[in-house]
Protein backbone atom coordinates (compact mmCIF):
# COMPACT_ATOMS: atom_id res chain seq x y z
CA MET A 1 6.91 36.89 5.97
CA ALA A 2 6.70 35.20 9.36
CA ARG A 3 9.81 34.51 11.41
CA ILE A 4 10.69 30.83 11.76
CA LYS A 5 12.26 29.79 15.03
CA GLY A 6 14.81 26.99 15.07
CA ALA A 7 13.55 25.10 18.12
CA LEU A 8 12.44 21.99 16.25
CA MET A 9 15.70 21.49 14.33
CA THR A 10 17.78 22.26 17.43
CA ARG A 11 15.86 19.63 19.42
CA LYS A 12 16.24 17.07 16.59
CA ARG A 13 19.96 17.74 16.33
CA ARG A 14 20.44 17.37 20.09
CA ASN A 15 18.37 14.21 20.26
CA LYS A 16 20.42 12.70 17.45
CA VAL A 17 23.63 13.27 19.42
CA LEU A 18 22.08 11.98 22.66
CA LYS A 19 20.89 8.86 20.84
CA LEU A 20 24.45 8.20 19.65
CA ALA A 21 25.68 8.69 23.23
CA LYS A 22 23.23 6.18 24.67
CA GLY A 23 24.98 3.77 27.04
CA TYR A 24 27.84 6.12 27.86
CA TYR A 25 28.78 6.53 31.53
CA GLY A 26 27.21 9.26 33.67
CA SER A 27 26.56 12.70 32.25
CA LYS A 28 28.06 11.76 28.88
CA SER A 29 24.76 10.10 28.02
CA ARG A 30 22.50 12.82 29.48
CA LEU A 31 24.02 16.26 28.95
CA PHE A 32 24.25 17.53 25.38
CA LYS A 33 27.61 19.30 25.64
CA THR A 34 29.49 16.36 27.18
CA ALA A 35 27.61 13.87 24.99
CA LYS A 36 28.66 15.78 21.87
CA GLN A 37 32.32 15.67 22.94
CA ALA A 38 32.09 11.97 23.75
CA VAL A 39 30.45 11.14 20.41
CA ILE A 40 33.14 13.04 18.48
CA LYS A 41 35.89 11.27 20.46
CA SER A 42 34.29 7.84 19.98
CA GLY A 43 33.99 8.54 16.26
CA ASN A 44 37.71 9.24 16.12
CA TYR A 45 38.46 6.01 17.99
CA ALA A 46 36.21 4.07 15.63
CA TYR A 47 37.98 5.57 12.59
CA ILE A 48 41.41 4.69 14.00
CA GLY A 49 40.14 1.22 14.98
CA ARG A 50 39.09 0.43 11.42
CA LYS A 51 42.67 1.05 10.28
CA GLN A 52 44.17 -0.95 13.19
CA LYS A 53 41.89 -3.90 12.45
CA LYS A 54 43.47 -4.35 9.02
CA ARG A 55 46.94 -4.01 10.53
CA ASN A 56 46.25 -6.56 13.29
CA PHE A 57 44.81 -9.15 10.92
CA ARG A 58 47.83 -8.86 8.63
CA ARG A 59 50.12 -9.44 11.64
CA LEU A 60 48.07 -12.51 12.60
CA TRP A 61 48.25 -13.96 9.09
CA ILE A 62 52.00 -13.42 8.90
CA THR A 63 52.48 -15.09 12.30
CA ARG A 64 50.48 -18.12 11.17
CA ILE A 65 52.36 -18.41 7.87
CA SER A 66 55.67 -18.05 9.72
CA ALA A 67 54.72 -20.87 12.11
CA GLY A 68 53.84 -23.10 9.15
CA CYS A 69 57.14 -22.25 7.47
CA LYS A 70 59.19 -23.11 10.58
CA VAL A 71 57.59 -26.57 10.65
CA ASN A 72 58.77 -27.05 7.05
CA GLY A 73 62.31 -25.76 7.70
CA ILE A 74 62.17 -22.38 5.97
CA ASN A 75 61.73 -18.86 7.27
CA TYR A 76 58.89 -16.51 6.32
CA SER A 77 60.77 -14.02 4.16
CA THR A 78 62.50 -16.75 2.14
CA PHE A 79 59.15 -18.50 1.65
CA MET A 80 57.42 -15.34 0.42
CA ASN A 81 60.34 -14.55 -1.89
CA GLY A 82 60.17 -18.08 -3.30
CA LEU A 83 56.44 -17.84 -3.90
CA LYS A 84 56.89 -14.54 -5.72
CA LYS A 85 59.59 -16.03 -7.96
CA ALA A 86 57.45 -19.15 -8.56
CA GLY A 87 54.57 -16.92 -9.69
CA VAL A 88 52.17 -17.99 -6.93
CA THR A 89 49.79 -15.10 -6.25
CA LEU A 90 48.04 -16.20 -3.07
CA ASN A 91 47.44 -13.48 -0.51
CA ARG A 92 48.49 -13.79 3.13
CA LYS A 93 44.95 -14.46 4.34
CA MET A 94 44.59 -17.50 2.09
CA LEU A 95 48.11 -18.72 2.88
CA SER A 96 47.36 -18.61 6.61
CA GLU A 97 44.09 -20.51 6.10
CA ILE A 98 45.95 -23.18 4.10
CA ALA A 99 48.65 -23.40 6.78
CA ILE A 100 45.99 -24.09 9.44
CA ALA A 101 43.44 -26.20 7.55
CA ASP A 102 45.61 -28.17 5.09
CA PRO A 103 49.24 -28.67 6.20
CA ALA A 104 49.92 -31.04 3.27
CA ALA A 105 48.98 -28.37 0.72
CA PHE A 106 51.08 -25.82 2.61
CA THR A 107 54.06 -28.21 2.49
CA ALA A 108 53.55 -28.46 -1.29
CA LEU A 109 53.64 -24.65 -1.51
CA VAL A 110 56.85 -24.60 0.55
CA GLU A 111 58.43 -27.12 -1.83
CA GLN A 112 57.35 -25.01 -4.79
CA ALA A 113 58.88 -21.93 -3.17
CA LYS A 114 62.14 -23.76 -2.41
CA ALA A 115 62.34 -24.99 -6.02
CA ALA A 116 61.96 -21.45 -7.37
CA LEU A 117 64.90 -20.14 -5.32
């Protein structure tokens, strides 16, 4: 049986990494060894970033809801507690959208929360 050399697969593997490293600064986009390290590092940053994105949006929504609550004379934690007791199951994303787009509806939710306390 003939010996098969691995040149083709090695070249494909290296080109795949260099393609992922396209646009990186200096030798990180040209040399395989540094490109491989940069691609691994960027993959880690991307993974962490996907988790931070969720965290940051939640913080934004809470800030918006809190601002809407202050206008209506109630704080955020009391408002959320009131909603829970009233049986309102709106998530923070929707509550923040209501607080921005429809202040009258948000005021109605605040009244409902106050009544449940």
